[in-house]
Amino acid sequence: KTHSEALEAIEKWGFKASSPRKVCKNIEEVIEYYRYMENIRDSLEYELDGIVIKVNDMELWDKLGTTARTPRYFLAGKFKPRQKTTKIIDVVYQVGRTGQITPVAILEPVEVGGVIVQRATLHNFDEVQRLGVKIGDRVVVQRAGDVIPDIVQVIKEARTGEEKEILPPEKCPVCGAKVVREGAYYRCVSMQCPAKLKAHLRHFAQRRAMDIEGLGEKVAEQLVDRGLVKDVADLFYLKKSQLLTLEGFADKSAQNLIDQINKARKTTLARFLYALGIPNVGEFTAKVLAERFKSLDKLMNATYDQLISIPGIGPETATSIIEFFRNEQNRQIIKKFLDAGITFEEETAKPVAESPFKGKTVVFTGELDSMTRDEAKEKVEALGGRVSNSVSRNTDFVVVGRNPGSKYQKALELKVKILNEEEFLKLLKEAGAL
């Protein structure tokens, strides 16, 4: 009848069951046990990042039921992230797809939660200043969510006077090109930067962009390092014989990648715009631009006033689009794409019945229990809505799940309509989407 009795029976039969465990009579006892387990977790023989709280009466399990992803009769109580002290021995710079340069701290190896941590992101140079961190500092490191290494504190009283300032790069650490400051970040401006190209190839090939299966990180690195791809458009000029020179490729895998690249020659304008990696243009904005301009040529020659008049496109995004298409090198790469046979299918919009989401902009924050974020997005779009990644005055609904982020606070400030998961599901049901 009870879960605790079931576990005891399992142990009597010679199997191992989770231990220690406790049957609690009330919430106070649950909290007390949570604190007890957090205090002893370092003495256990196994790694532990929290406890699971279950309804003991198993007859109630069927009555409580489950969501699409999790049962309603138990929940997890996570512990605070483990923290350890270590030393920053150096700082290196990573260059991303848009040229954004991220400082990364190289640490004296330290075990945090059963994992040896040797690197931690410093995010950007505003964060470096906020922490006041220097090379040579003793710092407190934690694994955020017991996963991602993060520096949370500098132990300034441990300084010896030999610490060195962490300075922004004067040039790109990968290609040596000029860097410019944009807000909290520094960015490499070179279109030939190998680090940018590798990251751009991975972005270009992802499922929501050009959907080229088999073009992952290792393949992208080899294509750039061997000089087979000098810009993203070169992908469409690759030969099977060239792929066969790469590590990990045999006849079949080389042909599969060629087939995937050929398949990608026929795409939609929205996917292509997203794949281009225009700064500040994500998947949602790419769809908006494709719907508004219908043709690549019209978008490439759009004016600032035309762009700024589109709901959801602000001055920064409009400027990014203008500058991207004004750049002669970008225009040459786009010409290479078109010469390689890239064509755009017209996205035939299915007739959408009236629904609460038709013509509305929706933002999601937090985790949904009933479905994944992608599933929720597909349902909103099928009902004629648009899903955005940021909250603005043009947002119609913000759907709030568990552990919402800063978008929830922004929605409150802007007085945007907030829907909890139950209200969201009710609207989907009314529209016939559930």
Protein backbone atom coordinates (compact mmCIF):
# COMPACT_ATOMS: atom_id res chain seq x y z
CA LYS A 1 0.00 0.00 0.00
CA THR A 2 2.84 2.41 0.73
CA HIS A 3 6.03 3.22 -1.13
CA SER A 4 8.12 2.79 2.03
CA GLU A 5 6.76 -0.75 2.46
CA ALA A 6 7.57 -1.53 -1.17
CA LEU A 7 11.18 -0.40 -0.67
CA GLU A 8 11.49 -2.51 2.47
CA ALA A 9 10.21 -5.54 0.55
CA ILE A 10 12.72 -4.91 -2.24
CA GLU A 11 15.55 -4.93 0.32
CA LYS A 12 14.28 -8.18 1.90
CA TRP A 13 14.41 -9.79 -1.54
CA GLY A 14 18.11 -8.92 -1.77
CA PHE A 15 17.93 -5.83 -3.97
CA LYS A 16 19.33 -2.40 -3.14
CA ALA A 17 16.93 0.47 -2.46
CA SER A 18 17.66 4.16 -1.94
CA SER A 19 19.11 4.81 1.49
CA PRO A 20 18.95 6.73 3.75
CA ARG A 21 15.25 7.56 3.54
CA LYS A 22 12.55 8.67 5.93
CA VAL A 23 8.76 8.68 6.20
CA CYS A 24 7.76 12.23 7.20
CA LYS A 25 4.49 13.12 8.91
CA ASN A 26 4.36 16.79 7.91
CA ILE A 27 6.12 19.50 5.90
CA GLU A 28 8.26 20.50 8.89
CA GLU A 29 9.75 17.00 9.01
CA VAL A 30 10.37 17.13 5.25
CA ILE A 31 12.30 20.41 5.63
CA GLU A 32 14.25 19.00 8.58
CA TYR A 33 15.20 15.89 6.56
CA TYR A 34 16.17 18.02 3.55
CA ARG A 35 18.60 20.00 5.74
CA TYR A 36 19.96 16.81 7.31
CA MET A 37 20.69 15.25 3.92
CA GLU A 38 22.29 18.45 2.64
CA ASN A 39 24.62 18.43 5.66
CA ILE A 40 25.72 14.80 5.23
CA ARG A 41 25.87 14.57 1.42
CA ASP A 42 29.67 14.93 1.30
CA SER A 43 30.04 11.86 3.55
CA LEU A 44 27.94 9.62 1.32
CA GLU A 45 29.43 7.05 -1.05
CA TYR A 46 27.53 8.50 -4.01
CA GLU A 47 26.91 11.93 -5.50
CA LEU A 48 23.73 13.65 -4.33
CA ASP A 49 22.30 16.96 -5.55
CA GLY A 50 18.96 16.82 -3.74
CA ILE A 51 16.18 14.65 -2.36
CA VAL A 52 12.98 13.28 -3.87
CA ILE A 53 9.78 13.84 -1.89
CA LYS A 54 7.08 11.25 -2.68
CA VAL A 55 3.50 10.65 -1.58
CA ASN A 56 3.83 7.46 0.47
CA ASP A 57 0.29 6.12 -0.11
CA MET A 58 0.56 4.42 -3.51
CA GLU A 59 -3.23 4.31 -3.93
CA LEU A 60 -3.12 8.09 -4.29
CA TRP A 61 -0.68 7.87 -7.19
CA ASP A 62 -3.37 6.99 -9.73
CA LYS A 63 -5.65 9.72 -8.41
CA LEU A 64 -2.92 12.35 -8.64
CA GLY A 65 -1.86 11.15 -12.10
CA THR A 66 0.95 12.57 -14.20
CA THR A 67 1.67 15.44 -16.54
CA ALA A 68 3.09 14.74 -20.00
CA ARG A 69 6.56 14.58 -18.48
CA THR A 70 6.42 13.94 -14.73
CA PRO A 71 4.24 12.29 -12.06
CA ARG A 72 2.33 14.62 -9.74
CA TYR A 73 2.96 12.45 -6.69
CA PHE A 74 6.61 13.35 -6.25
CA LEU A 75 8.90 16.34 -6.62
CA ALA A 76 12.62 17.04 -6.33
CA GLY A 77 14.18 19.26 -3.70
CA LYS A 78 17.57 20.43 -5.02
CA PHE A 79 20.41 21.40 -2.67
CA LYS A 80 22.39 24.63 -2.94
CA PRO A 81 25.28 24.25 -5.41
CA ARG A 82 28.54 22.98 -3.94
CA GLN A 83 31.27 25.59 -3.69
CA LYS A 84 35.05 25.21 -3.59
CA THR A 85 37.99 27.59 -3.50
CA THR A 86 40.63 27.60 -6.21
CA LYS A 87 42.98 29.97 -8.05
CA ILE A 88 42.75 31.66 -11.46
CA ILE A 89 45.99 30.89 -13.27
CA ASP A 90 45.12 32.49 -16.61
CA VAL A 91 42.32 33.90 -18.75
CA VAL A 92 41.72 32.90 -22.37
CA TYR A 93 39.19 34.22 -24.87
CA GLN A 94 36.57 32.29 -26.83
CA VAL A 95 35.18 33.69 -30.08
CA GLY A 96 31.58 32.88 -30.99
CA ARG A 97 29.56 32.88 -34.21
CA THR A 98 28.92 36.64 -34.24
CA GLY A 99 32.50 37.40 -33.18
CA GLN A 100 31.51 37.93 -29.55
CA ILE A 101 34.57 37.40 -27.34
CA THR A 102 33.99 35.69 -23.99
CA PRO A 103 36.67 35.66 -21.26
CA VAL A 104 37.16 32.19 -19.74
CA ALA A 105 39.10 31.63 -16.51
CA ILE A 106 41.65 28.79 -16.42
CA LEU A 107 41.65 27.41 -12.89
CA GLU A 108 43.85 25.27 -10.72
CA PRO A 109 41.97 21.95 -10.97
CA VAL A 110 39.47 21.55 -8.15
CA GLU A 111 36.83 18.90 -7.48
CA VAL A 112 33.33 20.35 -7.24
CA GLY A 113 30.48 17.89 -6.79
CA GLY A 114 32.50 14.93 -8.04
CA VAL A 115 33.72 16.72 -11.18
CA ILE A 116 37.18 18.20 -11.77
CA VAL A 117 36.66 21.86 -12.74
CA GLN A 118 39.46 23.56 -14.70
CA ARG A 119 37.61 26.31 -16.56
CA ALA A 120 34.81 28.74 -15.73
CA THR A 121 33.21 31.42 -17.89
CA LEU A 122 33.54 35.05 -16.83
CA HIS A 123 30.66 35.87 -19.22
CA ASN A 124 31.74 39.39 -20.27
CA PHE A 125 33.88 42.32 -19.19
CA ASP A 126 31.11 43.98 -17.21
CA GLU A 127 31.02 40.79 -15.11
CA VAL A 128 34.82 40.92 -14.73
CA GLN A 129 34.50 44.46 -13.36
CA ARG A 130 31.55 43.57 -11.12
CA LEU A 131 33.47 40.71 -9.53
CA GLY A 132 36.70 42.73 -9.45
CA VAL A 133 38.50 39.54 -10.44
CA LYS A 134 42.17 39.33 -11.47
CA ILE A 135 44.55 36.64 -12.73
CA GLY A 136 46.11 35.05 -9.65
CA ASP A 137 43.06 35.61 -7.43
CA ARG A 138 41.70 32.98 -5.08
CA VAL A 139 38.04 32.56 -6.04
CA VAL A 140 34.95 30.63 -4.98
CA VAL A 141 33.68 28.34 -7.73
CA GLN A 142 30.33 26.58 -7.89
CA ARG A 143 28.62 24.41 -10.45
CA ALA A 144 25.38 26.29 -11.19
CA GLY A 145 22.58 23.73 -10.97
CA ASP A 146 25.47 21.41 -10.07
CA VAL A 147 26.38 21.45 -13.78
CA ILE A 148 27.90 24.70 -15.13
CA PRO A 149 31.10 26.02 -13.47
CA ASP A 150 30.72 29.61 -12.32
CA ILE A 151 32.87 32.05 -10.32
CA VAL A 152 30.72 33.60 -7.60
CA GLN A 153 33.20 35.39 -5.34
CA VAL A 154 36.74 36.76 -5.19
CA ILE A 155 38.65 36.26 -1.92
CA LYS A 156 40.32 39.66 -1.96
CA GLU A 157 41.93 39.25 1.48
CA ALA A 158 44.06 36.42 0.00
CA ARG A 159 45.73 38.75 -2.51
CA THR A 160 49.54 38.98 -2.54
CA GLY A 161 49.91 42.03 -4.78
CA GLU A 162 51.15 39.93 -7.70
CA GLU A 163 47.71 39.57 -9.29
CA LYS A 164 47.25 40.86 -12.85
CA GLU A 165 44.34 42.81 -14.31
CA ILE A 166 42.12 41.03 -16.82
CA LEU A 167 42.21 43.34 -19.81
CA PRO A 168 39.91 43.29 -22.84
CA PRO A 169 41.64 42.01 -25.98
CA GLU A 170 43.11 44.65 -28.27
CA LYS A 171 42.69 42.30 -31.23
CA CYS A 172 40.92 39.02 -31.97
CA PRO A 173 42.73 36.22 -30.10
CA VAL A 174 42.14 33.84 -33.03
CA CYS A 175 42.72 35.82 -36.23
CA GLY A 176 44.32 39.05 -34.96
CA ALA A 177 41.69 41.30 -36.53
CA LYS A 178 40.31 44.50 -35.03
CA VAL A 179 37.78 44.24 -32.18
CA VAL A 180 35.00 46.67 -31.31
CA ARG A 181 33.08 47.10 -28.07
CA GLU A 182 29.33 46.53 -28.10
CA GLY A 183 27.80 46.97 -24.65
CA ALA A 184 29.33 44.48 -22.23
CA TYR A 185 31.04 42.54 -25.03
CA TYR A 186 33.96 42.90 -27.43
CA ARG A 187 33.52 41.53 -30.93
CA CYS A 188 35.86 40.48 -33.74
CA VAL A 189 34.87 42.28 -36.95
CA SER A 190 36.68 40.00 -39.42
CA MET A 191 34.51 37.90 -41.73
CA GLN A 192 37.44 35.48 -42.24
CA CYS A 193 37.95 34.67 -38.55
CA PRO A 194 38.27 30.84 -38.32
CA ALA A 195 36.61 30.70 -34.89
CA LYS A 196 33.60 32.66 -36.15
CA LEU A 197 33.39 30.51 -39.26
CA LYS A 198 33.41 27.24 -37.29
CA ALA A 199 30.67 28.49 -34.97
CA HIS A 200 28.69 29.86 -37.93
CA LEU A 201 28.89 26.52 -39.75
CA ARG A 202 27.38 24.78 -36.72
CA HIS A 203 24.63 27.40 -36.51
CA PHE A 204 23.98 27.26 -40.26
CA ALA A 205 23.57 23.47 -40.21
CA GLN A 206 21.30 23.19 -37.16
CA ARG A 207 17.81 21.75 -37.51
CA ARG A 208 15.98 25.08 -37.27
CA ALA A 209 18.26 26.69 -39.82
CA MET A 210 19.31 24.75 -42.95
CA ASP A 211 18.92 21.34 -41.26
CA ILE A 212 22.11 19.68 -42.54
CA GLU A 213 22.41 16.46 -40.57
CA GLY A 214 25.97 15.23 -39.99
CA LEU A 215 27.63 18.64 -39.93
CA GLY A 216 28.63 18.85 -36.27
CA GLU A 217 31.44 20.50 -34.36
CA LYS A 218 34.23 18.10 -35.38
CA VAL A 219 33.30 18.23 -39.06
CA ALA A 220 33.07 22.04 -39.00
CA GLU A 221 36.53 22.27 -37.41
CA GLN A 222 38.09 20.00 -40.03
CA LEU A 223 36.44 21.81 -42.94
CA VAL A 224 37.86 25.15 -41.76
CA ASP A 225 41.26 23.87 -40.60
CA ARG A 226 41.86 22.04 -43.92
CA GLY A 227 40.88 25.14 -45.89
CA LEU A 228 37.96 23.40 -47.60
CA VAL A 229 35.51 26.04 -46.39
CA LYS A 230 36.54 29.70 -46.31
CA ASP A 231 32.99 31.03 -45.96
CA VAL A 232 29.67 29.31 -45.25
CA ALA A 233 28.62 29.31 -48.91
CA ASP A 234 31.59 27.05 -49.72
CA LEU A 235 29.58 24.20 -48.17
CA PHE A 236 27.53 24.00 -51.36
CA TYR A 237 30.67 23.58 -53.50
CA LEU A 238 32.14 20.67 -51.54
CA LYS A 239 32.91 17.44 -53.39
CA LYS A 240 32.66 13.92 -52.03
CA SER A 241 36.37 13.38 -52.74
CA GLN A 242 37.20 16.31 -50.43
CA LEU A 243 35.10 14.90 -47.59
CA LEU A 244 36.87 11.55 -47.93
CA THR A 245 40.12 13.27 -46.89
CA LEU A 246 38.60 14.17 -43.50
CA GLU A 247 38.96 12.06 -40.39
CA GLY A 248 35.93 9.87 -39.70
CA PHE A 249 34.60 9.86 -43.27
CA ALA A 250 34.10 6.77 -45.42
CA ASP A 251 32.26 6.42 -48.71
CA LYS A 252 28.77 6.19 -47.20
CA SER A 253 29.16 8.97 -44.60
CA ALA A 254 30.66 11.31 -47.21
CA GLN A 255 27.78 10.64 -49.60
CA ASN A 256 25.25 11.14 -46.78
CA LEU A 257 26.64 14.61 -46.02
CA ILE A 258 26.66 15.55 -49.71
CA ASP A 259 23.01 14.41 -49.92
CA GLN A 260 22.12 16.52 -46.87
CA ILE A 261 23.82 19.58 -48.38
CA ASN A 262 21.99 19.07 -51.68
CA LYS A 263 18.67 18.72 -49.85
CA ALA A 264 19.34 22.07 -48.14
CA ARG A 265 19.53 23.88 -51.50
CA LYS A 266 15.75 24.03 -51.36
CA THR A 267 14.68 25.88 -48.23
CA THR A 268 12.49 28.73 -47.03
CA LEU A 269 13.45 32.38 -46.85
CA ALA A 270 12.87 32.39 -43.08
CA ARG A 271 15.23 29.46 -42.50
CA PHE A 272 17.89 31.00 -44.74
CA LEU A 273 17.72 34.38 -42.98
CA TYR A 274 18.06 32.68 -39.59
CA ALA A 275 20.96 30.57 -40.89
CA LEU A 276 22.83 33.66 -42.16
CA GLY A 277 23.48 34.65 -38.55
CA ILE A 278 22.54 38.33 -38.88
CA PRO A 279 23.25 39.94 -35.48
CA ASN A 280 20.04 40.37 -33.41
CA VAL A 281 18.00 38.31 -35.90
CA GLY A 282 16.77 35.11 -34.29
CA GLU A 283 14.33 32.53 -35.58
CA PHE A 284 11.25 34.62 -34.75
CA THR A 285 12.56 37.82 -36.37
CA ALA A 286 13.64 35.85 -39.46
CA LYS A 287 10.06 34.62 -39.89
CA VAL A 288 8.70 38.14 -39.45
CA LEU A 289 11.09 39.50 -42.11
CA ALA A 290 10.27 36.67 -44.54
CA GLU A 291 6.54 37.26 -44.12
CA ARG A 292 6.88 41.02 -44.59
CA PHE A 293 9.28 41.21 -47.56
CA LYS A 294 8.56 37.86 -49.31
CA SER A 295 11.84 38.14 -51.25
CA LEU A 296 15.52 38.25 -50.32
CA ASP A 297 16.21 41.05 -52.80
CA LYS A 298 13.55 43.31 -51.29
CA LEU A 299 14.89 42.71 -47.78
CA MET A 300 18.49 43.37 -48.84
CA ASN A 301 17.42 46.76 -50.15
CA ALA A 302 15.02 47.64 -47.32
CA THR A 303 15.38 51.04 -45.66
CA TYR A 304 15.73 51.71 -41.96
CA ASP A 305 12.25 53.28 -41.89
CA GLN A 306 10.71 50.20 -43.52
CA LEU A 307 12.33 47.92 -40.95
CA ILE A 308 11.57 50.02 -37.89
CA SER A 309 7.90 50.14 -38.84
CA ILE A 310 7.60 46.35 -38.37
CA PRO A 311 6.18 45.41 -34.94
CA GLY A 312 8.83 43.69 -32.85
CA ILE A 313 11.82 45.17 -34.69
CA GLY A 314 13.58 47.90 -32.75
CA PRO A 315 16.34 50.35 -33.69
CA GLU A 316 19.19 47.96 -32.80
CA THR A 317 17.82 45.09 -34.89
CA ALA A 318 16.98 47.39 -37.81
CA THR A 319 20.52 48.79 -37.77
CA SER A 320 22.02 45.28 -37.64
CA ILE A 321 20.01 44.22 -40.71
CA ILE A 322 20.96 47.35 -42.68
CA GLU A 323 24.66 46.98 -41.83
CA PHE A 324 24.70 43.25 -42.62
CA PHE A 325 23.27 43.64 -46.10
CA ARG A 326 25.30 46.79 -46.79
CA ASN A 327 28.53 44.85 -46.20
CA GLU A 328 29.98 43.97 -49.62
CA GLN A 329 31.53 40.73 -48.37
CA ASN A 330 28.16 39.54 -47.07
CA ARG A 331 26.56 40.40 -50.39
CA GLN A 332 29.21 38.37 -52.24
CA ILE A 333 28.61 35.36 -49.97
CA ILE A 334 24.85 35.61 -50.57
CA LYS A 335 25.53 35.69 -54.33
CA LYS A 336 27.60 32.51 -53.93
CA PHE A 337 24.65 30.86 -52.20
CA LEU A 338 22.30 31.80 -55.02
CA ASP A 339 24.82 30.74 -57.69
CA ALA A 340 25.05 27.37 -55.90
CA GLY A 341 21.35 26.83 -56.52
CA ILE A 342 19.78 27.92 -53.23
CA THR A 343 16.07 28.46 -53.88
CA PHE A 344 13.26 29.47 -51.58
CA GLU A 345 9.99 27.61 -51.30
CA GLU A 346 7.02 29.78 -50.56
CA GLU A 347 5.67 28.90 -47.15
CA THR A 348 2.03 28.27 -47.80
CA ALA A 349 0.24 29.44 -44.73
CA LYS A 350 -2.47 27.02 -43.74
CA PRO A 351 -5.79 28.71 -43.11
CA VAL A 352 -6.05 29.31 -39.39
CA ALA A 353 -9.39 29.36 -37.63
CA GLU A 354 -10.09 32.05 -35.09
CA SER A 355 -8.21 31.39 -31.88
CA PRO A 356 -7.01 33.36 -28.84
CA PHE A 357 -3.48 33.27 -30.30
CA LYS A 358 -4.20 34.29 -33.90
CA GLY A 359 -2.08 37.34 -34.74
CA LYS A 360 -0.72 37.46 -31.18
CA THR A 361 2.87 37.45 -29.95
CA VAL A 362 3.61 34.95 -27.18
CA VAL A 363 6.67 34.60 -24.94
CA PHE A 364 7.44 31.57 -22.76
CA THR A 365 9.43 31.63 -19.51
CA GLY A 366 10.07 28.79 -17.08
CA GLU A 367 9.43 25.07 -17.52
CA LEU A 368 6.08 23.64 -18.58
CA ASP A 369 4.96 20.33 -17.06
CA SER A 370 2.51 19.35 -19.78
CA MET A 371 4.78 19.69 -22.83
CA THR A 372 8.19 20.81 -24.00
CA ARG A 373 8.89 24.42 -25.03
CA ASP A 374 9.14 23.34 -28.68
CA GLU A 375 5.78 21.56 -28.52
CA ALA A 376 4.14 24.63 -26.97
CA LYS A 377 5.68 26.84 -29.64
CA GLU A 378 4.37 24.61 -32.44
CA LYS A 379 0.85 24.71 -31.00
CA VAL A 380 0.85 28.52 -30.77
CA GLU A 381 2.18 28.87 -34.33
CA ALA A 382 -0.39 26.35 -35.62
CA LEU A 383 -3.08 28.59 -34.13
CA GLY A 384 -1.74 31.64 -35.98
CA GLY A 385 0.39 33.07 -33.20
CA ARG A 386 4.05 34.05 -33.12
CA VAL A 387 6.54 33.05 -30.44
CA SER A 388 9.20 35.56 -29.45
CA ASN A 389 12.22 35.20 -27.18
CA SER A 390 11.91 38.62 -25.57
CA VAL A 391 9.20 40.62 -23.82
CA SER A 392 8.27 44.05 -25.18
CA ARG A 393 5.26 46.33 -25.36
CA ASN A 394 4.26 44.40 -28.49
CA THR A 395 3.98 41.11 -26.53
CA ASP A 396 0.40 39.91 -26.05
CA PHE A 397 0.91 36.96 -23.69
CA VAL A 398 3.68 35.70 -21.42
CA VAL A 399 3.19 32.04 -20.48
CA VAL A 400 4.83 31.37 -17.11
CA GLY A 401 5.95 27.89 -16.07
CA ARG A 402 8.02 26.64 -13.16
CA ASN A 403 11.13 28.64 -12.22
CA PRO A 404 10.45 31.62 -14.52
CA GLY A 405 13.28 33.94 -15.49
CA SER A 406 13.60 37.70 -15.89
CA LYS A 407 10.95 37.72 -18.65
CA TYR A 408 8.30 37.28 -15.96
CA GLN A 409 9.47 40.42 -14.15
CA LYS A 410 9.60 42.33 -17.45
CA ALA A 411 6.02 41.26 -18.19
CA LEU A 412 4.88 42.58 -14.81
CA GLU A 413 6.66 45.90 -15.41
CA LEU A 414 5.10 46.30 -18.87
CA LYS A 415 1.70 45.01 -17.66
CA VAL A 416 1.64 42.29 -20.31
CA LYS A 417 -1.08 39.64 -19.95
CA ILE A 418 0.38 36.71 -17.96
CA LEU A 419 -0.90 33.15 -18.34
CA ASN A 420 -0.01 30.32 -15.98
CA GLU A 421 0.25 26.83 -17.47
CA GLU A 422 -3.33 25.93 -16.56
CA GLU A 423 -4.69 29.06 -18.29
CA PHE A 424 -2.49 28.40 -21.34
CA LEU A 425 -3.77 24.81 -21.63
CA LYS A 426 -7.36 26.01 -21.26
CA LEU A 427 -6.94 28.38 -24.23
CA LEU A 428 -5.35 25.60 -26.29
CA LYS A 429 -8.26 23.30 -25.43
CA GLU A 430 -10.81 25.95 -26.40
CA ALA A 431 -9.03 26.34 -29.74
CA GLY A 432 -9.10 22.57 -30.33
CA ALA A 433 -5.33 22.18 -30.07
CA LEU A 434 -5.49 19.67 -27.20
